[in-house]
Each structure stands twice: as structure tokens, then as C-alpha cells.
Amino acid sequence: MGSQPEQGRAYKITMEDLIQETLAAILKNMGVPFRKFKVSVDKNHPSGSEVYRIDIDCDEAATLIGYHGETIYALQHILKTLVWRKSDESVFVILDVDSYRKRQEESVLALAMRKVETVRKTFQDQVLPPMSPYFRRVVHMALAKPEFKDIVTESIGEGDHRSVTIKVKP
């Protein structure tokens, strides 16, 4: 009797557990073998939100990433939707495979920093290449920090051709 939960008490599953269970089921149903994946909470993400990062370690990384990351973005959307339906809680997840997205994020931020230096030297606006809403938000949030008080960012363009312009604050 000591190992039984008390009558009327329900086991509360954590968001990390729910994400792990849901992702494992998705990958199993897709027939994609994976060695492991880790769910971690990033409370200091450049986006300013609490983010659940999931990095999948597998032999078929290219299959999960897809052309220009299309498969991983779709899988991330499915995971987020299923977790939201199961928990009735909105959650921000970043699904990564063998640190592909992390390297992309670092690359986008490095490019943005180079463009900031150019803007500061030349006072000419700099336009980053078109990017997803997620990466635009990462750039906007990173350049909203106090050390960039002389810089302003703006998203321009439409649809898949939307990009970030970096300018000196007037």
C-alpha cells in the first residue's frame, strides 16, 4: 500500500515529460530510428520567451532536417500542436537534429553582428537575407539589448521574402 498513490491524487506530468513522450511516439510512427533526445528549458533565450529545446541524436539527420530544414520545421509544428492539445497550454519548442538549428541560429546572429558593425561605420542601412519568422525574432530580440541602443531593426518584405533591416537609430 505504501507505493500506491493516495486516493484522489493524480500524478502530474511535467511539460518536459509530455514533450518527450509525444516526440518519441511521433518518431516511432514515422519509422525514424533515433539514439536519444534531450529536452531542456532555455529561460534566457534571445527571443525573450521560455523555450523548450529538443535535440535529437540520430543516424538519419538529413531525413529529419529535410530540404532547407522544411521537415524539421513541420515536425516541430506537429509536436507543438500535439503538446498544446494534450496540455491545453501554449508552449514554445525548438526542435533540433544534431544541433543543426543551433548552428543556424549562431550563424544568423554572427551575420547580424557583422551588419551592425557595418551600419555603425557607414551609417548605411543593412538588409539581412530573407529568413523565417523565428530567426527574424531572434535577430530583433538580440539587437534590442542595451548594448545596441543606437541600432533599430525592422522586418520588411512579404511572405518567404521577409527580411530584417538594421539601421542606426535616428
C-alpha atoms as a PDB file:
ATOM      1  CA  MET A   1       0.000   0.000   0.000  1.00  0.00           C
ATOM      2  CA  GLY A   2       2.889   2.396   0.670  1.00  0.00           C
ATOM      3  CA  SER A   3       3.876   2.512  -3.007  1.00  0.00           C
ATOM      4  CA  GLN A   4       0.339   3.281  -4.218  1.00  0.00           C
ATOM      5  CA  PRO A   5      -0.571   6.936  -4.807  1.00  0.00           C
ATOM      6  CA  GLU A   6      -3.056   8.340  -2.302  1.00  0.00           C
ATOM      7  CA  GLN A   7      -6.701   8.116  -3.304  1.00  0.00           C
ATOM      8  CA  GLY A   8      -7.733  11.243  -5.229  1.00  0.00           C
ATOM      9  CA  ARG A   9      -4.188  12.355  -6.057  1.00  0.00           C
ATOM     10  CA  ALA A  10      -3.226  12.332  -9.703  1.00  0.00           C
ATOM     11  CA  TYR A  11       0.327  12.127 -10.961  1.00  0.00           C
ATOM     12  CA  LYS A  12       1.259  15.461 -12.560  1.00  0.00           C
ATOM     13  CA  ILE A  13       3.297  15.004 -15.709  1.00  0.00           C
ATOM     14  CA  THR A  14       5.885  17.708 -16.392  1.00  0.00           C
ATOM     15  CA  MET A  15       5.994  19.569 -19.689  1.00  0.00           C
ATOM     16  CA  GLU A  16       9.399  18.005 -20.385  1.00  0.00           C
ATOM     17  CA  ASP A  17       7.931  14.503 -19.901  1.00  0.00           C
ATOM     18  CA  LEU A  18       4.962  15.310 -22.132  1.00  0.00           C
ATOM     19  CA  ILE A  19       7.261  16.609 -24.871  1.00  0.00           C
ATOM     20  CA  GLN A  20       9.483  13.509 -24.611  1.00  0.00           C
ATOM     21  CA  GLU A  21       6.558  11.078 -24.749  1.00  0.00           C
ATOM     22  CA  THR A  22       4.914  12.887 -27.665  1.00  0.00           C
ATOM     23  CA  LEU A  23       8.113  13.185 -29.708  1.00  0.00           C
ATOM     24  CA  ALA A  24       9.044   9.532 -29.107  1.00  0.00           C
ATOM     25  CA  ALA A  25       5.609   8.477 -30.403  1.00  0.00           C
ATOM     26  CA  ILE A  26       5.917  10.725 -33.485  1.00  0.00           C
ATOM     27  CA  LEU A  27       9.386   9.403 -34.368  1.00  0.00           C
ATOM     28  CA  LYS A  28       8.296   5.813 -33.809  1.00  0.00           C
ATOM     29  CA  ASN A  29       5.256   6.291 -36.077  1.00  0.00           C
ATOM     30  CA  MET A  30       7.492   7.894 -38.723  1.00  0.00           C
ATOM     31  CA  GLY A  31       9.792   4.872 -38.574  1.00  0.00           C
ATOM     32  CA  VAL A  32      12.814   7.080 -37.882  1.00  0.00           C
ATOM     33  CA  PRO A  33      15.301   5.390 -35.570  1.00  0.00           C
ATOM     34  CA  PHE A  34      16.923   7.658 -33.005  1.00  0.00           C
ATOM     35  CA  ARG A  35      19.505   7.061 -30.319  1.00  0.00           C
ATOM     36  CA  LYS A  36      18.250   9.646 -27.853  1.00  0.00           C
ATOM     37  CA  PHE A  37      16.945  13.143 -27.484  1.00  0.00           C
ATOM     38  CA  LYS A  38      17.179  15.640 -24.693  1.00  0.00           C
ATOM     39  CA  VAL A  39      14.590  18.205 -23.634  1.00  0.00           C
ATOM     40  CA  SER A  40      15.947  21.278 -21.881  1.00  0.00           C
ATOM     41  CA  VAL A  41      14.391  24.579 -20.852  1.00  0.00           C
ATOM     42  CA  ASP A  42      16.097  27.751 -22.064  1.00  0.00           C
ATOM     43  CA  LYS A  43      14.924  30.587 -19.814  1.00  0.00           C
ATOM     44  CA  ASN A  44      17.412  33.086 -21.309  1.00  0.00           C
ATOM     45  CA  HIS A  45      16.644  32.586 -24.981  1.00  0.00           C
ATOM     46  CA  PRO A  46      17.306  35.629 -27.237  1.00  0.00           C
ATOM     47  CA  SER A  47      13.610  35.582 -28.175  1.00  0.00           C
ATOM     48  CA  GLY A  48      12.781  36.651 -24.608  1.00  0.00           C
ATOM     49  CA  SER A  49      10.466  33.670 -24.036  1.00  0.00           C
ATOM     50  CA  GLU A  50      10.878  30.419 -22.127  1.00  0.00           C
ATOM     51  CA  VAL A  51      11.789  27.857 -24.765  1.00  0.00           C
ATOM     52  CA  TYR A  52      11.886  24.064 -24.672  1.00  0.00           C
ATOM     53  CA  ARG A  53      14.831  22.892 -26.774  1.00  0.00           C
ATOM     54  CA  ILE A  54      14.856  19.335 -28.043  1.00  0.00           C
ATOM     55  CA  ASP A  55      17.949  17.963 -29.777  1.00  0.00           C
ATOM     56  CA  ILE A  56      17.522  14.591 -31.491  1.00  0.00           C
ATOM     57  CA  ASP A  57      20.585  12.382 -31.911  1.00  0.00           C
ATOM     58  CA  CYS A  58      20.059  10.033 -34.859  1.00  0.00           C
ATOM     59  CA  ASP A  59      21.754   8.440 -37.865  1.00  0.00           C
ATOM     60  CA  GLU A  60      19.188   9.833 -40.302  1.00  0.00           C
ATOM     61  CA  ALA A  61      19.682  13.543 -39.550  1.00  0.00           C
ATOM     62  CA  ALA A  62      19.245  14.557 -43.208  1.00  0.00           C
ATOM     63  CA  THR A  63      15.868  12.801 -43.332  1.00  0.00           C
ATOM     64  CA  LEU A  64      14.610  14.653 -40.260  1.00  0.00           C
ATOM     65  CA  ILE A  65      16.066  18.014 -41.307  1.00  0.00           C
ATOM     66  CA  GLY A  66      14.817  17.909 -44.902  1.00  0.00           C
ATOM     67  CA  TYR A  67      15.462  20.420 -47.667  1.00  0.00           C
ATOM     68  CA  HIS A  68      16.461  23.745 -46.062  1.00  0.00           C
ATOM     69  CA  GLY A  69      15.031  22.489 -42.743  1.00  0.00           C
ATOM     70  CA  GLU A  70      11.468  22.097 -44.056  1.00  0.00           C
ATOM     71  CA  THR A  71      10.938  18.683 -42.454  1.00  0.00           C
ATOM     72  CA  ILE A  72      12.259  19.719 -39.058  1.00  0.00           C
ATOM     73  CA  TYR A  73      10.049  22.840 -39.086  1.00  0.00           C
ATOM     74  CA  ALA A  74       6.979  20.730 -39.971  1.00  0.00           C
ATOM     75  CA  LEU A  75       7.853  18.167 -37.288  1.00  0.00           C
ATOM     76  CA  GLN A  76       8.298  20.981 -34.767  1.00  0.00           C
ATOM     77  CA  HIS A  77       4.856  22.360 -35.650  1.00  0.00           C
ATOM     78  CA  ILE A  78       3.242  18.931 -35.250  1.00  0.00           C
ATOM     79  CA  LEU A  79       4.988  18.415 -31.893  1.00  0.00           C
ATOM     80  CA  LYS A  80       3.943  21.853 -30.633  1.00  0.00           C
ATOM     81  CA  THR A  81       0.331  21.286 -31.717  1.00  0.00           C
ATOM     82  CA  LEU A  82       0.091  17.835 -30.112  1.00  0.00           C
ATOM     83  CA  VAL A  83       1.648  19.050 -26.846  1.00  0.00           C
ATOM     84  CA  TRP A  84      -0.718  22.021 -26.803  1.00  0.00           C
ATOM     85  CA  ARG A  85      -3.734  19.731 -27.334  1.00  0.00           C
ATOM     86  CA  LYS A  86      -2.626  17.323 -24.608  1.00  0.00           C
ATOM     87  CA  SER A  87      -1.763  20.000 -22.041  1.00  0.00           C
ATOM     88  CA  ASP A  88      -4.073  22.857 -23.085  1.00  0.00           C
ATOM     89  CA  GLU A  89      -1.009  25.047 -22.619  1.00  0.00           C
ATOM     90  CA  SER A  90       0.790  27.070 -25.289  1.00  0.00           C
ATOM     91  CA  VAL A  91       4.423  26.043 -25.475  1.00  0.00           C
ATOM     92  CA  PHE A  92       7.379  27.356 -27.474  1.00  0.00           C
ATOM     93  CA  VAL A  93       9.556  24.485 -28.715  1.00  0.00           C
ATOM     94  CA  ILE A  94      12.670  24.405 -30.856  1.00  0.00           C
ATOM     95  CA  LEU A  95      13.264  21.025 -32.400  1.00  0.00           C
ATOM     96  CA  ASP A  96      16.834  20.387 -33.461  1.00  0.00           C
ATOM     97  CA  VAL A  97      18.631  17.469 -35.056  1.00  0.00           C
ATOM     98  CA  ASP A  98      22.336  17.007 -34.335  1.00  0.00           C
ATOM     99  CA  SER A  99      22.494  20.754 -33.411  1.00  0.00           C
ATOM    100  CA  TYR A 100      21.553  21.858 -36.968  1.00  0.00           C
ATOM    101  CA  ARG A 101      19.264  24.688 -35.794  1.00  0.00           C
ATOM    102  CA  LYS A 102      21.674  25.812 -33.081  1.00  0.00           C
ATOM    103  CA  ARG A 103      24.415  26.239 -35.682  1.00  0.00           C
ATOM    104  CA  GLN A 104      21.955  28.122 -37.916  1.00  0.00           C
ATOM    105  CA  GLU A 105      20.985  30.442 -35.058  1.00  0.00           C
ATOM    106  CA  GLU A 106      24.637  31.158 -34.241  1.00  0.00           C
ATOM    107  CA  SER A 107      25.330  31.862 -37.919  1.00  0.00           C
ATOM    108  CA  VAL A 108      22.375  34.284 -38.244  1.00  0.00           C
ATOM    109  CA  LEU A 109      23.416  36.137 -35.076  1.00  0.00           C
ATOM    110  CA  ALA A 110      27.045  36.353 -36.258  1.00  0.00           C
ATOM    111  CA  LEU A 111      25.876  37.818 -39.578  1.00  0.00           C
ATOM    112  CA  ALA A 112      23.647  40.317 -37.754  1.00  0.00           C
ATOM    113  CA  MET A 113      26.602  41.422 -35.579  1.00  0.00           C
ATOM    114  CA  ARG A 114      28.768  41.953 -38.679  1.00  0.00           C
ATOM    115  CA  LYS A 115      25.976  44.023 -40.235  1.00  0.00           C
ATOM    116  CA  VAL A 116      25.674  46.090 -37.026  1.00  0.00           C
ATOM    117  CA  GLU A 117      29.367  46.956 -37.273  1.00  0.00           C
ATOM    118  CA  THR A 118      28.915  47.966 -40.917  1.00  0.00           C
ATOM    119  CA  VAL A 119      25.903  50.138 -40.027  1.00  0.00           C
ATOM    120  CA  ARG A 120      27.855  51.833 -37.233  1.00  0.00           C
ATOM    121  CA  LYS A 121      30.812  52.561 -39.545  1.00  0.00           C
ATOM    122  CA  THR A 122      28.960  53.610 -42.695  1.00  0.00           C
ATOM    123  CA  PHE A 123      25.557  54.776 -41.393  1.00  0.00           C
ATOM    124  CA  GLN A 124      24.097  52.815 -44.327  1.00  0.00           C
ATOM    125  CA  ASP A 125      21.123  50.505 -43.711  1.00  0.00           C
ATOM    126  CA  GLN A 126      21.951  46.806 -43.965  1.00  0.00           C
ATOM    127  CA  VAL A 127      19.469  44.158 -45.060  1.00  0.00           C
ATOM    128  CA  LEU A 128      19.818  40.547 -43.917  1.00  0.00           C
ATOM    129  CA  PRO A 129      18.799  37.744 -46.289  1.00  0.00           C
ATOM    130  CA  PRO A 130      15.172  36.550 -46.114  1.00  0.00           C
ATOM    131  CA  MET A 131      14.576  34.306 -43.115  1.00  0.00           C
ATOM    132  CA  SER A 132      11.862  32.558 -41.133  1.00  0.00           C
ATOM    133  CA  PRO A 133       9.789  34.425 -38.529  1.00  0.00           C
ATOM    134  CA  TYR A 134      11.709  32.591 -35.794  1.00  0.00           C
ATOM    135  CA  PHE A 135      15.126  33.806 -36.981  1.00  0.00           C
ATOM    136  CA  ARG A 136      13.831  37.345 -37.575  1.00  0.00           C
ATOM    137  CA  ARG A 137      12.570  37.370 -33.984  1.00  0.00           C
ATOM    138  CA  VAL A 138      15.939  36.114 -32.714  1.00  0.00           C
ATOM    139  CA  VAL A 139      17.687  38.986 -34.532  1.00  0.00           C
ATOM    140  CA  HIS A 140      15.171  41.597 -33.306  1.00  0.00           C
ATOM    141  CA  MET A 141      15.469  40.398 -29.695  1.00  0.00           C
ATOM    142  CA  ALA A 142      19.275  40.177 -29.783  1.00  0.00           C
ATOM    143  CA  LEU A 143      19.557  43.718 -31.151  1.00  0.00           C
ATOM    144  CA  ALA A 144      17.064  45.091 -28.616  1.00  0.00           C
ATOM    145  CA  LYS A 145      19.643  44.648 -25.842  1.00  0.00           C
ATOM    146  CA  PRO A 146      21.126  47.776 -24.180  1.00  0.00           C
ATOM    147  CA  GLU A 147      24.477  47.485 -25.997  1.00  0.00           C
ATOM    148  CA  PHE A 148      22.585  48.126 -29.251  1.00  0.00           C
ATOM    149  CA  LYS A 149      20.713  51.252 -28.095  1.00  0.00           C
ATOM    150  CA  ASP A 150      21.983  53.082 -31.217  1.00  0.00           C
ATOM    151  CA  ILE A 151      20.507  50.413 -33.536  1.00  0.00           C
ATOM    152  CA  VAL A 152      16.953  49.782 -34.724  1.00  0.00           C
ATOM    153  CA  THR A 153      15.640  46.765 -36.654  1.00  0.00           C
ATOM    154  CA  GLU A 154      12.650  46.439 -38.948  1.00  0.00           C
ATOM    155  CA  SER A 155      11.134  43.493 -40.796  1.00  0.00           C
ATOM    156  CA  ILE A 156      10.432  44.232 -44.444  1.00  0.00           C
ATOM    157  CA  GLY A 157       9.043  42.304 -47.401  1.00  0.00           C
ATOM    158  CA  GLU A 158       6.279  39.765 -47.804  1.00  0.00           C
ATOM    159  CA  GLY A 159       5.907  36.040 -47.164  1.00  0.00           C
ATOM    160  CA  ASP A 160       9.014  33.919 -47.682  1.00  0.00           C
ATOM    161  CA  HIS A 161      10.956  37.010 -48.774  1.00  0.00           C
ATOM    162  CA  ARG A 162      10.613  38.834 -45.449  1.00  0.00           C
ATOM    163  CA  SER A 163      13.922  40.027 -44.018  1.00  0.00           C
ATOM    164  CA  VAL A 164      15.381  42.261 -41.320  1.00  0.00           C
ATOM    165  CA  THR A 165      16.814  45.708 -41.985  1.00  0.00           C
ATOM    166  CA  ILE A 166      19.354  47.016 -39.490  1.00  0.00           C
ATOM    167  CA  LYS A 167      19.646  50.817 -39.160  1.00  0.00           C
ATOM    168  CA  VAL A 168      21.222  53.467 -36.982  1.00  0.00           C
ATOM    169  CA  LYS A 169      18.571  54.865 -34.672  1.00  0.00           C
ATOM    170  CA  PRO A 170      17.554  58.385 -35.794  1.00  0.00           C
END
